[in-house]
Protein backbone atom coordinates (compact mmCIF):
# COMPACT_ATOMS: atom_id res chain seq x y z
CA MET A 1 -22.56 -41.88 23.03
CA LYS A 2 -25.02 -39.39 21.60
CA ASN A 3 -25.53 -39.16 17.88
CA PHE A 4 -26.14 -35.75 16.33
CA TYR A 5 -27.97 -35.35 13.06
CA GLN A 6 -28.39 -32.34 10.83
CA THR A 7 -31.92 -31.84 9.63
CA PRO A 8 -32.53 -30.79 6.01
CA GLY A 9 -33.37 -27.30 7.28
CA ILE A 10 -30.00 -26.95 9.00
CA LEU A 11 -28.20 -28.27 5.94
CA LEU A 12 -30.04 -25.79 3.73
CA LEU A 13 -29.24 -22.92 6.08
CA THR A 14 -25.56 -23.92 6.19
CA ALA A 15 -25.43 -24.06 2.40
CA PHE A 16 -27.07 -20.63 2.17
CA PHE A 17 -24.54 -18.98 4.48
CA THR A 18 -21.64 -20.67 2.67
CA PHE A 19 -22.96 -19.36 -0.65
CA PHE A 20 -23.58 -15.88 0.80
CA GLN A 21 -20.06 -15.70 2.22
CA SER A 22 -18.60 -16.81 -1.12
CA GLU A 23 -20.60 -14.20 -2.98
CA LEU A 24 -19.64 -11.51 -0.48
CA MET A 25 -15.94 -12.26 -0.67
CA GLY A 26 -15.96 -13.03 -4.38
CA GLN A 27 -13.10 -14.31 -6.47
CA PRO A 28 -10.01 -12.14 -6.89
CA ILE A 29 -9.68 -10.10 -10.05
CA THR A 30 -6.53 -11.43 -11.69
CA VAL A 31 -3.77 -9.65 -13.60
CA CYS A 32 -0.99 -11.24 -15.63
CA ALA A 33 0.61 -11.14 -19.08
CA SER A 34 -1.93 -13.55 -20.56
CA GLY A 35 -4.81 -15.75 -19.45
CA CYS A 36 -6.03 -13.53 -16.59
CA ASP A 37 -8.91 -11.11 -16.27
CA HIS A 38 -6.69 -8.17 -17.21
CA GLU A 39 -3.19 -7.52 -18.54
CA THR A 40 -2.63 -4.23 -16.70
CA ILE A 41 -3.14 -3.34 -13.07
CA GLN A 42 -5.00 -0.12 -13.81
CA ALA A 43 -7.50 -1.97 -16.00
CA ALA A 44 -8.24 -4.26 -13.06
CA ILE A 45 -8.67 -1.30 -10.72
CA ASP A 46 -11.02 0.39 -13.18
CA ALA A 47 -13.14 -2.78 -13.28
CA ALA A 48 -13.17 -3.28 -9.50
CA ASP A 49 -15.97 -2.69 -7.04
CA GLU A 50 -15.62 -1.75 -3.39
CA LEU A 51 -13.86 -4.40 -1.27
CA ASP A 52 -12.60 -6.36 -4.28
CA ILE A 53 -9.25 -8.12 -4.19
CA ILE A 54 -6.91 -7.75 -7.16
CA GLU A 55 -4.22 -10.42 -7.41
CA VAL A 56 -1.25 -9.69 -9.65
CA GLY A 57 0.90 -12.40 -11.18
CA PRO A 58 4.70 -12.27 -11.47
CA GLY A 59 6.28 -9.81 -13.88
CA THR A 60 7.11 -6.15 -14.41
CA TYR A 61 4.18 -3.82 -14.99
CA GLU A 62 5.29 -0.56 -16.59
CA GLU A 63 2.50 1.76 -15.52
CA ALA A 64 1.60 4.37 -12.95
CA ILE A 65 -1.57 3.41 -11.11
CA ASP A 66 -4.29 5.12 -9.08
CA LEU A 67 -5.93 3.04 -6.34
CA ASN A 68 -9.18 5.00 -6.40
CA VAL A 69 -11.77 2.38 -5.38
CA GLU A 70 -12.70 2.27 -1.71
CA GLY A 71 -11.72 -0.82 0.22
CA ILE A 72 -9.83 -2.65 -2.51
CA THR A 73 -6.77 -4.79 -1.87
CA LEU A 74 -3.98 -4.94 -4.43
CA GLN A 75 -1.75 -7.92 -3.72
CA SER A 76 0.92 -9.84 -5.59
CA GLU A 77 0.67 -13.57 -6.06
CA ASP A 78 4.35 -14.32 -5.43
CA GLY A 79 5.69 -11.36 -3.46
CA ALA A 80 7.84 -8.30 -4.07
CA SER A 81 10.83 -10.21 -5.44
CA GLU A 82 8.73 -11.45 -8.35
CA THR A 83 6.36 -8.55 -9.02
CA THR A 84 7.38 -4.99 -9.95
CA ILE A 85 5.34 -1.87 -10.66
CA LYS A 86 7.59 0.46 -12.62
CA GLY A 87 6.45 4.07 -12.92
CA THR A 88 7.00 6.30 -15.89
CA GLY A 89 9.10 8.80 -13.97
CA SER A 90 8.02 11.44 -16.46
CA ALA A 91 6.67 14.17 -14.16
CA ALA A 92 7.22 15.44 -10.65
CA SER A 93 3.60 14.74 -9.72
CA ALA A 94 3.48 11.24 -11.20
CA ALA A 95 4.01 8.88 -8.31
CA THR A 96 4.19 5.25 -9.35
CA VAL A 97 1.27 4.39 -7.06
CA ARG A 98 -1.34 6.90 -5.89
CA ILE A 99 -3.83 6.00 -3.16
CA THR A 100 -6.89 8.23 -3.47
CA ALA A 101 -9.64 6.18 -1.79
CA ASP A 102 -10.19 5.06 1.80
CA ASN A 103 -9.34 1.62 3.22
CA VAL A 104 -6.97 0.61 0.43
CA THR A 105 -4.27 -2.05 0.87
CA ILE A 106 -1.19 -2.56 -1.30
CA ASP A 107 0.75 -5.70 -0.43
CA GLY A 108 3.82 -7.38 -1.87
CA PHE A 109 5.35 -5.36 -4.72
CA THR A 110 8.65 -3.84 -5.74
CA ILE A 111 7.73 -0.26 -6.61
CA ASP A 112 10.24 1.48 -8.88
CA ASN A 113 9.73 5.22 -9.46
CA GLU A 114 12.60 5.42 -11.97
CA ASN A 115 14.33 8.16 -9.95
CA ALA A 116 11.45 10.63 -10.29
CA GLU A 117 10.53 13.27 -7.72
CA ALA A 118 6.96 12.35 -6.80
CA GLY A 119 7.61 9.13 -4.97
CA CYS A 120 6.94 5.43 -5.11
CA ILE A 121 3.61 5.86 -3.27
CA SER A 122 1.67 9.07 -2.65
CA GLY A 123 -1.66 9.86 -1.04
CA GLY A 124 -4.54 11.92 -2.33
CA ASN A 125 -8.07 13.04 -1.43
CA ASP A 126 -7.21 12.66 2.28
CA ALA A 127 -7.38 8.89 1.75
CA ALA A 128 -7.82 7.36 5.21
CA ASP A 129 -6.88 3.97 6.67
CA ALA A 130 -4.47 2.96 3.92
CA LEU A 131 -2.26 -0.08 4.54
CA ILE A 132 1.11 -0.30 2.79
CA LYS A 133 2.85 -3.57 3.60
CA ASN A 134 5.45 -6.06 2.38
CA ASN A 135 6.72 -3.82 -0.43
CA VAL A 136 10.20 -2.84 -1.62
CA LEU A 137 10.46 0.83 -2.60
CA ILE A 138 13.38 1.82 -4.85
CA ASN A 139 14.74 4.47 -7.22
CA SER A 140 12.92 7.56 -6.04
CA ALA A 141 13.44 10.91 -4.40
CA ARG A 142 10.70 9.85 -1.98
CA GLY A 143 9.34 6.51 -0.81
CA VAL A 144 5.93 7.18 0.76
CA ARG A 145 4.78 10.78 0.63
CA GLY A 146 1.95 13.23 0.91
CA ASP A 147 2.01 17.04 0.75
CA PHE A 148 1.03 19.07 -2.32
CA TYR A 149 1.10 16.05 -4.63
CA GLY A 150 -1.71 14.51 -2.60
CA ARG A 151 -2.34 13.88 1.07
CA PHE A 152 -3.15 10.82 3.13
CA GLY A 153 -5.86 11.01 5.74
CA THR A 154 -5.63 9.56 9.22
CA GLY A 155 -4.98 5.91 9.99
CA LEU A 156 -2.12 5.27 7.54
CA GLU A 157 -0.17 2.08 8.30
CA ILE A 158 3.28 1.40 6.81
CA GLU A 159 4.40 -2.08 7.80
CA ASN A 160 7.12 -4.59 6.85
CA ASN A 161 8.43 -2.64 3.87
CA VAL A 162 11.99 -2.13 2.62
CA PHE A 163 13.03 1.37 1.54
CA ASP A 164 16.27 0.94 -0.41
CA GLY A 165 18.16 3.66 -2.27
CA VAL A 166 15.52 6.38 -1.99
CA THR A 167 16.49 9.91 -0.99
CA ARG A 168 13.77 10.16 1.67
CA GLY A 169 11.79 7.23 3.03
CA VAL A 170 8.56 8.52 4.63
CA THR A 171 8.18 12.24 4.01
CA ASN A 172 5.94 15.23 3.31
CA SER A 173 3.62 13.93 5.99
CA GLU A 174 1.80 17.11 7.00
CA ASN A 175 -1.73 16.64 8.36
CA TRP A 176 -1.78 12.86 8.18
CA GLY A 177 -3.42 12.57 11.61
CA SER A 178 -2.46 9.22 13.12
CA VAL A 179 0.20 7.08 11.45
CA THR A 180 1.78 3.69 12.16
CA VAL A 181 5.31 2.89 10.95
CA THR A 182 6.37 -0.56 12.12
CA ASN A 183 8.93 -3.24 11.22
CA ASN A 184 10.33 -1.50 8.14
CA GLU A 185 13.92 -1.43 6.87
CA PHE A 186 15.49 1.83 5.69
CA LEU A 187 18.65 1.18 3.67
CA ASN A 188 20.94 3.55 1.75
CA ILE A 189 18.82 6.64 2.37
CA GLY A 190 20.13 9.94 0.97
CA ALA A 191 18.54 12.29 3.55
CA ASN A 192 16.13 11.66 6.44
CA ALA A 193 14.68 8.17 6.62
CA VAL A 194 11.40 9.25 8.27
CA SER A 195 9.99 12.75 8.71
CA PHE A 196 6.87 13.50 10.75
CA GLY A 197 5.39 16.87 9.80
CA SER A 198 2.95 19.26 11.38
CA GLY A 199 -0.61 18.04 11.83
CA ILE A 200 0.33 14.50 12.88
CA THR A 201 -1.53 13.80 16.10
CA GLN A 202 -0.41 10.27 17.02
CA VAL A 203 2.47 8.02 15.98
CA ASP A 204 3.09 4.30 16.51
CA PHE A 205 6.75 3.79 15.61
CA THR A 206 8.30 0.43 16.52
CA GLY A 207 10.60 -2.26 15.20
CA ASN A 208 12.17 -0.26 12.37
CA GLU A 209 15.79 -0.79 11.29
CA PHE A 210 18.21 1.66 9.68
CA GLU A 211 21.43 1.22 7.72
CA ASN A 212 23.51 3.80 5.85
CA VAL A 213 21.20 6.78 6.37
CA ALA A 214 22.75 10.14 5.42
CA GLY A 215 20.34 12.26 7.48
CA ARG A 216 18.32 11.54 10.58
CA HIS A 217 16.71 8.23 11.25
CA VAL A 218 13.62 10.15 12.41
CA ALA A 219 12.92 13.87 12.10
CA ASN A 220 9.94 14.82 14.25
CA TYR A 221 8.96 18.34 13.21
CA GLU A 222 5.61 18.20 14.99
CA GLU A 223 7.11 17.08 18.32
CA THR A 224 4.09 14.82 18.70
CA SER A 225 3.56 14.02 22.38
CA ASP A 226 2.67 10.41 21.60
CA PHE A 227 5.98 9.72 19.87
């Protein structure tokens, strides 16, 4: 049997790369009612740098937020059943969550728009490559939207979400480019569950389920050849 030994140089190099990886990834910025880095989500976003992870503890956060830092991930600690972002619902343009930077992820929240018009989540600044996953979207005229309140760029992914009791699920989607809508549930929808508008060039639409939808499951206004 051969014995393998690590020289001090190899050990030092291993330690360096471990430290470098730790520094690159960093520790999550934490949000909770007390004892965390911040007590509000927007304060954590304002303090974040590119590629930071913000981890939100259980509770209801009564604020409208703007995810305006490139590459950040906003994730809940305990999932959508335990963590709610509740928007003010005070103005048509005030979506509960706005995504206005590229490569943003929002993962694991109940998002309550308090029956306002603007939507649970809206895009802005042509924000590209957004990932919206594992959320529950409720109490809104619109679930995920773009249009004149703010537009997503290409590469939007909407995965493993529940749209429940919203009038329209995915809507006002003009000029989004490519979009992926997979493994979502659309429940108790007052109009169309999903609408693909003009300017969408490619669609990946698989594994979605529908129940009690008043309008169409999918309205494809662009007649995209890839869908």
